[in-house]
Amino acid sequence: YLDPPYINVELNLSQNSVPDLLIAISDSNLLADDAKVILRHPTSVNYERCLGKLRPVRTKTYGSMQFTWFQYDPQI
């Protein structure tokens, strides 16, 4: 169960690592600190201390909510 409009995603920013797939709810931006980020449908996300960016890989709508899966791509 996802509690809209936020999802917490655990990141290890000091190791420059990101989970392969992240899920986010549409409508907004990114809030980050050392341990966690809250993703709200960015099309391209830069992490200050993380190499590369995220890109959306697919979007699905459930009822009135839109969910987007993001993939970390160090080549972007």
PDB file of N, CA and C in Angstrom:
ATOM      1  N   TYR A   1       0.847  -1.198   0.000  1.00  0.00           N
ATOM      2  CA  TYR A   1       0.000   0.000   0.000  1.00  0.00           C
ATOM      3  C   TYR A   1       0.876   1.240   0.000  1.00  0.00           C
ATOM      4  N   LEU A   2       0.572   2.151  -0.874  1.00  0.00           N
ATOM      5  CA  LEU A   2       1.316   3.401  -0.975  1.00  0.00           C
ATOM      6  C   LEU A   2       0.487   4.519  -0.386  1.00  0.00           C
ATOM      7  N   ASP A   3       1.124   5.330   0.389  1.00  0.00           N
ATOM      8  CA  ASP A   3       0.409   6.410   1.046  1.00  0.00           C
ATOM      9  C   ASP A   3       0.613   7.695   0.260  1.00  0.00           C
ATOM     10  N   PRO A   4      -0.316   8.053  -0.634  1.00  0.00           N
ATOM     11  CA  PRO A   4      -0.111   9.236  -1.481  1.00  0.00           C
ATOM     12  C   PRO A   4      -0.082  10.498  -0.646  1.00  0.00           C
ATOM     13  N   PRO A   5       0.626  11.520  -1.090  1.00  0.00           N
ATOM     14  CA  PRO A   5       1.348  11.573  -2.357  1.00  0.00           C
ATOM     15  C   PRO A   5       2.839  11.266  -2.236  1.00  0.00           C
ATOM     16  N   TYR A   6       3.261  10.607  -1.161  1.00  0.00           N
ATOM     17  CA  TYR A   6       4.696  10.408  -0.973  1.00  0.00           C
ATOM     18  C   TYR A   6       5.084   8.941  -0.925  1.00  0.00           C
ATOM     19  N   ILE A   7       6.294   8.668  -1.367  1.00  0.00           N
ATOM     20  CA  ILE A   7       6.913   7.359  -1.191  1.00  0.00           C
ATOM     21  C   ILE A   7       8.343   7.597  -0.728  1.00  0.00           C
ATOM     22  N   ASN A   8       8.745   6.916   0.318  1.00  0.00           N
ATOM     23  CA  ASN A   8      10.140   7.012   0.754  1.00  0.00           C
ATOM     24  C   ASN A   8      10.962   5.949   0.053  1.00  0.00           C
ATOM     25  N   VAL A   9      12.065   6.354  -0.503  1.00  0.00           N
ATOM     26  CA  VAL A   9      12.962   5.420  -1.177  1.00  0.00           C
ATOM     27  C   VAL A   9      14.309   5.479  -0.470  1.00  0.00           C
ATOM     28  N   GLU A  10      14.751   4.344   0.029  1.00  0.00           N
ATOM     29  CA  GLU A  10      16.039   4.314   0.727  1.00  0.00           C
ATOM     30  C   GLU A  10      17.177   4.382  -0.297  1.00  0.00           C
ATOM     31  N   LEU A  11      18.108   5.282  -0.075  1.00  0.00           N
ATOM     32  CA  LEU A  11      19.263   5.392  -0.960  1.00  0.00           C
ATOM     33  C   LEU A  11      20.534   5.393  -0.126  1.00  0.00           C
ATOM     34  N   ASN A  12      21.572   4.871  -0.696  1.00  0.00           N
ATOM     35  CA  ASN A  12      22.885   4.963  -0.076  1.00  0.00           C
ATOM     36  C   ASN A  12      23.692   5.964  -0.898  1.00  0.00           C
ATOM     37  N   LEU A  13      23.484   7.235  -0.624  1.00  0.00           N
ATOM     38  CA  LEU A  13      24.089   8.270  -1.459  1.00  0.00           C
ATOM     39  C   LEU A  13      25.606   8.301  -1.335  1.00  0.00           C
ATOM     40  N   SER A  14      26.128   7.932  -0.163  1.00  0.00           N
ATOM     41  CA  SER A  14      27.579   7.976   0.002  1.00  0.00           C
ATOM     42  C   SER A  14      28.275   6.944  -0.876  1.00  0.00           C
ATOM     43  N   GLN A  15      27.570   5.885  -1.240  1.00  0.00           N
ATOM     44  CA  GLN A  15      28.131   4.859  -2.116  1.00  0.00           C
ATOM     45  C   GLN A  15      27.751   5.092  -3.587  1.00  0.00           C
ATOM     46  N   ASN A  16      27.056   6.182  -3.860  1.00  0.00           N
ATOM     47  CA  ASN A  16      26.597   6.467  -5.222  1.00  0.00           C
ATOM     48  C   ASN A  16      25.777   5.318  -5.798  1.00  0.00           C
ATOM     49  N   SER A  17      24.938   4.737  -4.973  1.00  0.00           N
ATOM     50  CA  SER A  17      24.131   3.617  -5.447  1.00  0.00           C
ATOM     51  C   SER A  17      22.648   3.940  -5.334  1.00  0.00           C
ATOM     52  N   VAL A  18      21.894   3.403  -6.248  1.00  0.00           N
ATOM     53  CA  VAL A  18      20.453   3.616  -6.287  1.00  0.00           C
ATOM     54  C   VAL A  18      19.821   2.281  -6.645  1.00  0.00           C
ATOM     55  N   PRO A  19      18.654   1.965  -6.085  1.00  0.00           N
ATOM     56  CA  PRO A  19      17.968   0.750  -6.516  1.00  0.00           C
ATOM     57  C   PRO A  19      17.677   0.814  -8.012  1.00  0.00           C
ATOM     58  N   ASP A  20      17.648  -0.324  -8.658  1.00  0.00           N
ATOM     59  CA  ASP A  20      17.414  -0.351 -10.101  1.00  0.00           C
ATOM     60  C   ASP A  20      16.096   0.303 -10.482  1.00  0.00           C
ATOM     61  N   LEU A  21      15.049  -0.013  -9.729  1.00  0.00           N
ATOM     62  CA  LEU A  21      13.745   0.551 -10.053  1.00  0.00           C
ATOM     63  C   LEU A  21      13.180   1.273  -8.848  1.00  0.00           C
ATOM     64  N   LEU A  22      12.624   2.427  -9.101  1.00  0.00           N
ATOM     65  CA  LEU A  22      11.969   3.202  -8.058  1.00  0.00           C
ATOM     66  C   LEU A  22      10.552   3.482  -8.518  1.00  0.00           C
ATOM     67  N   ILE A  23       9.653   3.599  -7.585  1.00  0.00           N
ATOM     68  CA  ILE A  23       8.280   3.929  -7.953  1.00  0.00           C
ATOM     69  C   ILE A  23       7.942   5.290  -7.364  1.00  0.00           C
ATOM     70  N   ALA A  24       7.201   6.075  -8.104  1.00  0.00           N
ATOM     71  CA  ALA A  24       6.841   7.402  -7.625  1.00  0.00           C
ATOM     72  C   ALA A  24       5.449   7.770  -8.101  1.00  0.00           C
ATOM     73  N   ILE A  25       4.837   8.649  -7.379  1.00  0.00           N
ATOM     74  CA  ILE A  25       3.498   9.114  -7.723  1.00  0.00           C
ATOM     75  C   ILE A  25       3.622  10.436  -8.464  1.00  0.00           C
ATOM     76  N   SER A  26       2.746  10.653  -9.414  1.00  0.00           N
ATOM     77  CA  SER A  26       2.852  11.827 -10.270  1.00  0.00           C
ATOM     78  C   SER A  26       2.590  13.125  -9.526  1.00  0.00           C
ATOM     79  N   ASP A  27       3.032  14.206 -10.157  1.00  0.00           N
ATOM     80  CA  ASP A  27       2.722  15.558  -9.714  1.00  0.00           C
ATOM     81  C   ASP A  27       3.735  16.137  -8.772  1.00  0.00           C
ATOM     82  N   SER A  28       4.980  16.410  -9.200  1.00  0.00           N
ATOM     83  CA  SER A  28       5.862  17.158  -8.338  1.00  0.00           C
ATOM     84  C   SER A  28       7.343  16.950  -8.501  1.00  0.00           C
ATOM     85  N   ASN A  29       8.071  16.942  -7.376  1.00  0.00           N
ATOM     86  CA  ASN A  29       9.523  16.944  -7.439  1.00  0.00           C
ATOM     87  C   ASN A  29      10.145  16.027  -6.418  1.00  0.00           C
ATOM     88  N   LEU A  30      11.384  16.327  -6.117  1.00  0.00           N
ATOM     89  CA  LEU A  30      12.195  15.459  -5.275  1.00  0.00           C
ATOM     90  C   LEU A  30      12.621  16.197  -4.015  1.00  0.00           C
ATOM     91  N   LEU A  31      12.496  15.513  -2.892  1.00  0.00           N
ATOM     92  CA  LEU A  31      13.039  16.036  -1.647  1.00  0.00           C
ATOM     93  C   LEU A  31      14.065  15.019  -1.168  1.00  0.00           C
ATOM     94  N   ALA A  32      15.257  15.470  -0.804  1.00  0.00           N
ATOM     95  CA  ALA A  32      16.291  14.498  -0.449  1.00  0.00           C
ATOM     96  C   ALA A  32      17.055  14.912   0.801  1.00  0.00           C
ATOM     97  N   ASP A  33      17.500  13.911   1.552  1.00  0.00           N
ATOM     98  CA  ASP A  33      18.499  14.142   2.583  1.00  0.00           C
ATOM     99  C   ASP A  33      19.539  13.032   2.458  1.00  0.00           C
ATOM    100  N   ASP A  34      20.333  12.825   3.481  1.00  0.00           N
ATOM    101  CA  ASP A  34      21.424  11.854   3.366  1.00  0.00           C
ATOM    102  C   ASP A  34      20.951  10.421   3.152  1.00  0.00           C
ATOM    103  N   ALA A  35      19.793  10.068   3.671  1.00  0.00           N
ATOM    104  CA  ALA A  35      19.397   8.666   3.648  1.00  0.00           C
ATOM    105  C   ALA A  35      18.213   8.369   2.741  1.00  0.00           C
ATOM    106  N   LYS A  36      17.323   9.326   2.573  1.00  0.00           N
ATOM    107  CA  LYS A  36      16.082   9.026   1.875  1.00  0.00           C
ATOM    108  C   LYS A  36      15.762  10.097   0.847  1.00  0.00           C
ATOM    109  N   VAL A  37      14.975   9.714  -0.130  1.00  0.00           N
ATOM    110  CA  VAL A  37      14.404  10.696  -1.041  1.00  0.00           C
ATOM    111  C   VAL A  37      12.912  10.445  -1.110  1.00  0.00           C
ATOM    112  N   ILE A  38      12.183  11.478  -1.418  1.00  0.00           N
ATOM    113  CA  ILE A  38      10.762  11.344  -1.692  1.00  0.00           C
ATOM    114  C   ILE A  38      10.575  11.747  -3.141  1.00  0.00           C
ATOM    115  N   LEU A  39      10.126  10.809  -3.956  1.00  0.00           N
ATOM    116  CA  LEU A  39       9.970  11.072  -5.381  1.00  0.00           C
ATOM    117  C   LEU A  39       8.515  11.357  -5.688  1.00  0.00           C
ATOM    118  N   ARG A  40       8.279  12.401  -6.452  1.00  0.00           N
ATOM    119  CA  ARG A  40       6.928  12.698  -6.875  1.00  0.00           C
ATOM    120  C   ARG A  40       6.924  13.035  -8.368  1.00  0.00           C
ATOM    121  N   HIS A  41       7.143  12.028  -9.187  1.00  0.00           N
ATOM    122  CA  HIS A  41       7.048  12.114 -10.643  1.00  0.00           C
ATOM    123  C   HIS A  41       7.976  13.125 -11.299  1.00  0.00           C
ATOM    124  N   PRO A  42       9.282  13.037 -11.024  1.00  0.00           N
ATOM    125  CA  PRO A  42      10.199  13.852 -11.827  1.00  0.00           C
ATOM    126  C   PRO A  42      10.454  13.160 -13.159  1.00  0.00           C
ATOM    127  N   THR A  43      10.732  13.923 -14.193  1.00  0.00           N
ATOM    128  CA  THR A  43      11.091  13.275 -15.451  1.00  0.00           C
ATOM    129  C   THR A  43      12.586  13.012 -15.486  1.00  0.00           C
ATOM    130  N   SER A  44      13.337  13.823 -14.777  1.00  0.00           N
ATOM    131  CA  SER A  44      14.777  13.620 -14.699  1.00  0.00           C
ATOM    132  C   SER A  44      15.234  14.130 -13.342  1.00  0.00           C
ATOM    133  N   VAL A  45      15.872  13.260 -12.570  1.00  0.00           N
ATOM    134  CA  VAL A  45      16.243  13.630 -11.213  1.00  0.00           C
ATOM    135  C   VAL A  45      17.756  13.632 -11.070  1.00  0.00           C
ATOM    136  N   ASN A  46      18.290  14.710 -10.573  1.00  0.00           N
ATOM    137  CA  ASN A  46      19.716  14.780 -10.255  1.00  0.00           C
ATOM    138  C   ASN A  46      19.901  14.658  -8.756  1.00  0.00           C
ATOM    139  N   TYR A  47      20.829  13.808  -8.333  1.00  0.00           N
ATOM    140  CA  TYR A  47      21.179  13.747  -6.925  1.00  0.00           C
ATOM    141  C   TYR A  47      22.501  14.464  -6.747  1.00  0.00           C
ATOM    142  N   GLU A  48      22.551  15.328  -5.738  1.00  0.00           N
ATOM    143  CA  GLU A  48      23.760  16.103  -5.503  1.00  0.00           C
ATOM    144  C   GLU A  48      24.975  15.208  -5.321  1.00  0.00           C
ATOM    145  N   ARG A  49      24.802  14.123  -4.553  1.00  0.00           N
ATOM    146  CA  ARG A  49      25.935  13.264  -4.264  1.00  0.00           C
ATOM    147  C   ARG A  49      25.744  11.877  -4.855  1.00  0.00           C
ATOM    148  N   CYS A  50      25.019  11.813  -5.954  1.00  0.00           N
ATOM    149  CA  CYS A  50      24.795  10.535  -6.604  1.00  0.00           C
ATOM    150  C   CYS A  50      25.069  10.714  -8.089  1.00  0.00           C
ATOM    151  N   LEU A  51      25.844   9.806  -8.681  1.00  0.00           N
ATOM    152  CA  LEU A  51      26.199   9.950 -10.089  1.00  0.00           C
ATOM    153  C   LEU A  51      25.021   9.600 -10.976  1.00  0.00           C
ATOM    154  N   GLY A  52      24.833  10.367 -12.026  1.00  0.00           N
ATOM    155  CA  GLY A  52      23.811  10.025 -12.999  1.00  0.00           C
ATOM    156  C   GLY A  52      22.432  10.536 -12.645  1.00  0.00           C
ATOM    157  N   LYS A  53      21.461  10.033 -13.380  1.00  0.00           N
ATOM    158  CA  LYS A  53      20.084  10.486 -13.235  1.00  0.00           C
ATOM    159  C   LYS A  53      19.130   9.313 -13.275  1.00  0.00           C
ATOM    160  N   LEU A  54      17.898   9.631 -12.980  1.00  0.00           N
ATOM    161  CA  LEU A  54      16.837   8.636 -13.113  1.00  0.00           C
ATOM    162  C   LEU A  54      16.038   8.947 -14.363  1.00  0.00           C
ATOM    163  N   ARG A  55      15.537   7.909 -15.006  1.00  0.00           N
ATOM    164  CA  ARG A  55      14.657   8.139 -16.148  1.00  0.00           C
ATOM    165  C   ARG A  55      13.410   7.287 -15.963  1.00  0.00           C
ATOM    166  N   PRO A  56      12.261   7.816 -16.384  1.00  0.00           N
ATOM    167  CA  PRO A  56      11.028   7.047 -16.252  1.00  0.00           C
ATOM    168  C   PRO A  56      11.040   5.874 -17.220  1.00  0.00           C
ATOM    169  N   VAL A  57      10.659   4.689 -16.756  1.00  0.00           N
ATOM    170  CA  VAL A  57      10.639   3.529 -17.633  1.00  0.00           C
ATOM    171  C   VAL A  57       9.223   3.080 -17.965  1.00  0.00           C
ATOM    172  N   ARG A  58       8.268   3.343 -17.089  1.00  0.00           N
ATOM    173  CA  ARG A  58       6.879   3.093 -17.452  1.00  0.00           C
ATOM    174  C   ARG A  58       5.959   3.788 -16.478  1.00  0.00           C
ATOM    175  N   THR A  59       4.773   4.076 -16.936  1.00  0.00           N
ATOM    176  CA  THR A  59       3.778   4.771 -16.127  1.00  0.00           C
ATOM    177  C   THR A  59       2.471   4.008 -16.208  1.00  0.00           C
ATOM    178  N   LYS A  60       1.801   3.906 -15.076  1.00  0.00           N
ATOM    179  CA  LYS A  60       0.514   3.229 -15.047  1.00  0.00           C
ATOM    180  C   LYS A  60      -0.463   4.041 -14.231  1.00  0.00           C
ATOM    181  N   THR A  61      -1.721   3.996 -14.619  1.00  0.00           N
ATOM    182  CA  THR A  61      -2.744   4.715 -13.881  1.00  0.00           C
ATOM    183  C   THR A  61      -3.654   3.728 -13.172  1.00  0.00           C
ATOM    184  N   TYR A  62      -3.825   3.944 -11.881  1.00  0.00           N
ATOM    185  CA  TYR A  62      -4.749   3.139 -11.084  1.00  0.00           C
ATOM    186  C   TYR A  62      -5.798   4.085 -10.536  1.00  0.00           C
ATOM    187  N   GLY A  63      -7.017   3.977 -11.055  1.00  0.00           N
ATOM    188  CA  GLY A  63      -8.043   4.919 -10.631  1.00  0.00           C
ATOM    189  C   GLY A  63      -7.638   6.323 -11.013  1.00  0.00           C
ATOM    190  N   SER A  64      -7.573   7.206 -10.015  1.00  0.00           N
ATOM    191  CA  SER A  64      -7.215   8.595 -10.309  1.00  0.00           C
ATOM    192  C   SER A  64      -5.734   8.866 -10.057  1.00  0.00           C
ATOM    193  N   MET A  65      -4.972   7.846  -9.661  1.00  0.00           N
ATOM    194  CA  MET A  65      -3.562   8.055  -9.357  1.00  0.00           C
ATOM    195  C   MET A  65      -2.664   7.498 -10.439  1.00  0.00           C
ATOM    196  N   GLN A  66      -1.620   8.253 -10.743  1.00  0.00           N
ATOM    197  CA  GLN A  66      -0.648   7.833 -11.744  1.00  0.00           C
ATOM    198  C   GLN A  66       0.654   7.461 -11.044  1.00  0.00           C
ATOM    199  N   PHE A  67       1.195   6.294 -11.392  1.00  0.00           N
ATOM    200  CA  PHE A  67       2.445   5.829 -10.813  1.00  0.00           C
ATOM    201  C   PHE A  67       3.486   5.697 -11.910  1.00  0.00           C
ATOM    202  N   THR A  68       4.714   6.096 -11.601  1.00  0.00           N
ATOM    203  CA  THR A  68       5.793   5.987 -12.569  1.00  0.00           C
ATOM    204  C   THR A  68       6.959   5.228 -11.948  1.00  0.00           C
ATOM    205  N   TRP A  69       7.490   4.285 -12.700  1.00  0.00           N
ATOM    206  CA  TRP A  69       8.685   3.559 -12.286  1.00  0.00           C
ATOM    207  C   TRP A  69       9.896   4.243 -12.904  1.00  0.00           C
ATOM    208  N   PHE A  70      10.930   4.473 -12.096  1.00  0.00           N
ATOM    209  CA  PHE A  70      12.140   5.133 -12.572  1.00  0.00           C
ATOM    210  C   PHE A  70      13.316   4.176 -12.488  1.00  0.00           C
ATOM    211  N   GLN A  71      14.219   4.326 -13.425  1.00  0.00           N
ATOM    212  CA  GLN A  71      15.425   3.511 -13.428  1.00  0.00           C
ATOM    213  C   GLN A  71      16.643   4.422 -13.356  1.00  0.00           C
ATOM    214  N   TYR A  72      17.614   4.019 -12.554  1.00  0.00           N
ATOM    215  CA  TYR A  72      18.853   4.776 -12.443  1.00  0.00           C
ATOM    216  C   TYR A  72      19.699   4.532 -13.682  1.00  0.00           C
ATOM    217  N   ASP A  73      20.131   5.605 -14.318  1.00  0.00           N
ATOM    218  CA  ASP A  73      20.934   5.475 -15.530  1.00  0.00           C
ATOM    219  C   ASP A  73      22.175   6.355 -15.412  1.00  0.00           C
ATOM    220  N   PRO A  74      23.334   5.784 -15.091  1.00  0.00           N
ATOM    221  CA  PRO A  74      24.539   6.594 -14.902  1.00  0.00           C
ATOM    222  C   PRO A  74      25.036   7.242 -16.185  1.00  0.00           C
ATOM    223  N   GLN A  75      24.538   6.797 -17.338  1.00  0.00           N
ATOM    224  CA  GLN A  75      24.987   7.348 -18.620  1.00  0.00           C
ATOM    225  C   GLN A  75      24.291   8.653 -18.989  1.00  0.00           C
ATOM    226  N   ILE A  76      23.225   8.996 -18.311  1.00  0.00           N
ATOM    227  CA  ILE A  76      22.478  10.212 -18.670  1.00  0.00           C
ATOM    228  C   ILE A  76      23.267  11.440 -18.233  1.00  0.00           C
TER     229      ILE A  76
END
